[in-house]
Amino acid sequence: MSTRLIKGRRSVRLAKIENQNNRQMTFSKCRNCVFKKANELSVMTGAEVGIIVCQQGSNPYSFCHPDVNEAINKYVGEERPPSPSSPAINDKYVQKFRKANSRELNTRLNCLQDQLDFELNLKSKFMEMNKNAESQQEWFKGPIEKMNYTEASMLKEGLEDLLLKVKNYGTERGYGYKNGKWKAE
């Protein structure tokens, strides 16, 4: 009979994994195992389970059964009864969580408020520029006979510029402009 070496479960040395890819893969596997065990616990015992896992530099992952909001409200909300096992520790963590969450929300609110102020300021500047542009072009809407020399020369330059653009447009598309008429080239 041959003897086989049986390898059982080995204890794993707990230390930070230096290789980024291996660390990410281990995180994903362990996270899935923890979520699976939490699901088993909630199904077999009817317990309400909530887990939030955050990896450095990425989005948080969560598992809650039956509902995320219910589990968080029971733990953080006002109606939560004090924990008989360690009320001071739980309250300390709850306060830290609330402070961190409120700081983050305040920062986001201030950022959005600054963006809103910037956009409203920009809008008012554009409206002012639009009013100025419209008032400068009012002379163009009136009859030619009532224009002064400056307005008439501006109109002439504008029309000459428009004619040049039309000629270039036609030339680009294979038409020639001679003696005031378009001809296919």
Protein backbone atom coordinates (compact mmCIF):
# COMPACT_ATOMS: atom_id res chain seq x y z
CA MET A 1 0.00 0.00 0.00
CA SER A 2 1.27 3.43 -0.84
CA THR A 3 1.21 6.21 1.68
CA ARG A 4 -0.30 9.51 0.71
CA LEU A 5 0.50 12.74 2.38
CA ILE A 6 -2.70 14.45 3.45
CA LYS A 7 -2.56 18.19 3.71
CA GLY A 8 -5.25 19.57 5.92
CA ARG A 9 -6.07 23.17 6.55
CA ARG A 10 -3.06 25.22 7.26
CA SER A 11 -2.89 28.31 9.33
CA VAL A 12 -2.17 31.36 7.25
CA ARG A 13 0.27 33.98 8.44
CA LEU A 14 -1.65 37.24 8.89
CA ALA A 15 0.22 40.08 7.25
CA LYS A 16 -0.52 42.61 4.56
CA ILE A 17 -0.20 41.16 1.08
CA GLU A 18 2.28 43.31 -0.83
CA ASN A 19 1.33 42.32 -4.39
CA GLN A 20 -1.63 44.49 -5.46
CA ASN A 21 -3.22 41.86 -7.71
CA ASN A 22 -2.98 39.12 -5.07
CA ARG A 23 -4.36 41.52 -2.44
CA GLN A 24 -7.34 42.39 -4.65
CA MET A 25 -8.06 38.73 -5.41
CA THR A 26 -7.83 37.77 -1.73
CA PHE A 27 -10.09 40.67 -0.79
CA SER A 28 -12.73 39.58 -3.33
CA LYS A 29 -12.63 35.94 -2.21
CA CYS A 30 -12.77 36.75 1.50
CA ARG A 31 -15.52 39.33 0.98
CA ASN A 32 -17.63 36.80 -0.90
CA CYS A 33 -17.06 34.18 1.84
CA VAL A 34 -18.07 36.64 4.57
CA PHE A 35 -21.20 37.66 2.65
CA LYS A 36 -22.08 33.99 2.07
CA LYS A 37 -21.72 33.21 5.79
CA ALA A 38 -23.82 36.27 6.69
CA ASN A 39 -26.53 35.10 4.30
CA GLU A 40 -26.46 31.61 5.83
CA LEU A 41 -26.74 33.11 9.31
CA SER A 42 -29.74 35.24 8.36
CA VAL A 43 -31.54 32.39 6.56
CA MET A 44 -30.94 29.74 9.23
CA THR A 45 -31.61 31.87 12.33
CA GLY A 46 -33.79 34.68 11.00
CA ALA A 47 -31.30 37.25 12.25
CA GLU A 48 -31.09 40.66 10.64
CA VAL A 49 -27.55 40.97 9.30
CA GLY A 50 -25.72 44.00 7.99
CA ILE A 51 -22.09 44.10 6.81
CA ILE A 52 -20.19 46.97 5.19
CA VAL A 53 -16.73 46.25 3.81
CA CYS A 54 -14.47 49.04 2.57
CA GLN A 55 -11.22 48.42 0.78
CA GLN A 56 -8.72 51.24 0.75
CA GLY A 57 -9.27 53.45 -2.29
CA SER A 58 -12.44 51.76 -3.57
CA ASN A 59 -16.18 51.87 -3.09
CA PRO A 60 -17.72 50.19 -0.06
CA TYR A 61 -19.44 46.82 -0.45
CA SER A 62 -22.43 45.94 1.67
CA PHE A 63 -24.66 43.00 2.49
CA CYS A 64 -27.83 43.38 4.50
CA HIS A 65 -30.73 41.07 5.09
CA PRO A 66 -33.62 41.84 4.89
CA ASP A 67 -32.97 45.54 4.10
CA VAL A 68 -29.98 47.88 4.31
CA ASN A 69 -31.94 50.88 5.55
CA GLU A 70 -33.74 48.91 8.26
CA ALA A 71 -30.49 47.47 9.60
CA ILE A 72 -28.75 50.86 9.64
CA ASN A 73 -31.73 52.61 11.23
CA LYS A 74 -31.91 49.98 13.95
CA TYR A 75 -28.23 50.46 14.73
CA VAL A 76 -27.79 54.20 14.17
CA GLY A 77 -31.33 55.50 14.48
CA GLU A 78 -32.98 57.08 17.50
CA GLU A 79 -35.17 54.07 18.28
CA ARG A 80 -32.16 51.77 18.88
CA PRO A 81 -32.11 50.41 22.40
CA PRO A 82 -28.73 50.55 24.16
CA SER A 83 -26.65 47.43 23.80
CA PRO A 84 -26.35 45.57 27.11
CA SER A 85 -22.98 44.05 26.22
CA SER A 86 -20.94 47.18 25.52
CA PRO A 87 -22.98 50.40 25.27
CA ALA A 88 -19.98 52.73 25.55
CA ILE A 89 -18.11 51.12 22.67
CA ASN A 90 -21.16 51.04 20.38
CA ASP A 91 -22.06 54.64 21.13
CA LYS A 92 -18.47 55.73 20.52
CA TYR A 93 -18.46 54.10 17.09
CA VAL A 94 -21.90 55.43 16.27
CA GLN A 95 -20.79 58.97 17.13
CA LYS A 96 -17.64 58.58 15.01
CA PHE A 97 -19.72 57.27 12.12
CA ARG A 98 -22.18 60.15 12.42
CA LYS A 99 -19.40 62.74 12.57
CA ALA A 100 -17.56 61.27 9.60
CA ASN A 101 -20.76 60.99 7.61
CA SER A 102 -21.85 64.54 8.45
CA ARG A 103 -18.38 65.90 7.58
CA GLU A 104 -18.48 64.18 4.22
CA LEU A 105 -22.01 65.40 3.51
CA ASN A 106 -21.10 68.96 4.55
CA THR A 107 -18.06 68.89 2.27
CA ARG A 108 -20.16 67.68 -0.64
CA LEU A 109 -22.84 70.29 0.13
CA ASN A 110 -20.27 73.09 0.22
CA CYS A 111 -18.77 71.91 -3.07
CA LEU A 112 -22.20 71.80 -4.73
CA GLN A 113 -23.07 75.22 -3.28
CA ASP A 114 -19.85 76.67 -4.72
CA GLN A 115 -20.65 75.14 -8.11
CA LEU A 116 -24.17 76.55 -7.99
CA ASP A 117 -22.89 80.03 -7.07
CA PHE A 118 -20.35 79.87 -9.90
CA GLU A 119 -23.01 78.79 -12.42
CA LEU A 120 -25.46 81.49 -11.29
CA ASN A 121 -22.71 84.12 -11.54
CA LEU A 122 -21.82 82.86 -15.01
CA LYS A 123 -25.48 82.94 -16.03
CA SER A 124 -25.86 86.55 -14.91
CA LYS A 125 -22.70 87.52 -16.83
CA PHE A 126 -24.00 85.83 -19.99
CA MET A 127 -27.36 87.55 -19.64
CA GLU A 128 -25.60 90.92 -19.24
CA MET A 129 -23.43 90.22 -22.30
CA ASN A 130 -26.52 89.20 -24.27
CA LYS A 131 -28.30 92.45 -23.31
CA ASN A 132 -25.24 94.46 -24.38
CA ALA A 133 -25.01 92.60 -27.69
CA GLU A 134 -28.70 93.07 -28.39
CA SER A 135 -28.56 96.78 -27.61
CA GLN A 136 -25.55 97.21 -29.90
CA GLN A 137 -27.35 95.50 -32.77
CA GLU A 138 -30.63 97.46 -32.46
CA TRP A 139 -29.40 99.91 -35.10
CA PHE A 140 -29.32 97.05 -37.60
CA LYS A 141 -33.06 96.47 -37.29
CA GLY A 142 -34.00 99.99 -38.33
CA PRO A 143 -34.33 101.34 -41.90
CA ILE A 144 -31.10 102.11 -43.78
CA GLU A 145 -32.12 105.75 -44.30
CA LYS A 146 -31.95 106.41 -40.55
CA MET A 147 -28.40 105.00 -40.11
CA ASN A 148 -25.47 107.28 -39.47
CA TYR A 149 -22.13 106.91 -41.25
CA THR A 150 -20.61 104.53 -38.65
CA GLU A 151 -23.62 102.20 -38.68
CA ALA A 152 -23.75 102.21 -42.49
CA SER A 153 -20.04 101.37 -42.76
CA MET A 154 -20.47 98.53 -40.22
CA LEU A 155 -23.39 97.19 -42.27
CA LYS A 156 -21.31 97.40 -45.45
CA GLU A 157 -18.39 95.51 -43.85
CA GLY A 158 -20.77 92.85 -42.52
CA LEU A 159 -22.39 92.35 -45.92
CA GLU A 160 -19.00 92.17 -47.67
CA ASP A 161 -17.85 89.58 -45.13
CA LEU A 162 -21.04 87.59 -45.69
CA LEU A 163 -20.55 87.72 -49.47
CA LEU A 164 -16.98 86.45 -49.10
CA LYS A 165 -18.19 83.55 -46.91
CA VAL A 166 -20.88 82.65 -49.48
CA LYS A 167 -18.30 82.73 -52.30
CA ASN A 168 -15.94 80.46 -50.34
CA TYR A 169 -18.81 78.12 -49.53
CA GLY A 170 -19.76 77.82 -53.21
CA THR A 171 -16.13 77.42 -54.33
CA GLU A 172 -15.60 74.59 -51.83
CA ARG A 173 -18.56 72.77 -53.36
CA GLY A 174 -17.44 73.18 -56.97
CA TYR A 175 -19.22 76.34 -58.07
CA GLY A 176 -17.68 79.52 -59.41
CA TYR A 177 -18.97 83.05 -58.84
CA LYS A 178 -18.46 85.46 -61.78
CA ASN A 179 -20.30 88.61 -62.73
CA GLY A 180 -22.80 88.14 -59.91
CA LYS A 181 -23.82 84.62 -61.01
CA TRP A 182 -23.02 81.06 -59.85
CA LYS A 183 -21.74 78.63 -62.46
CA ALA A 184 -20.79 74.96 -62.08
CA GLU A 185 -17.08 74.47 -62.73
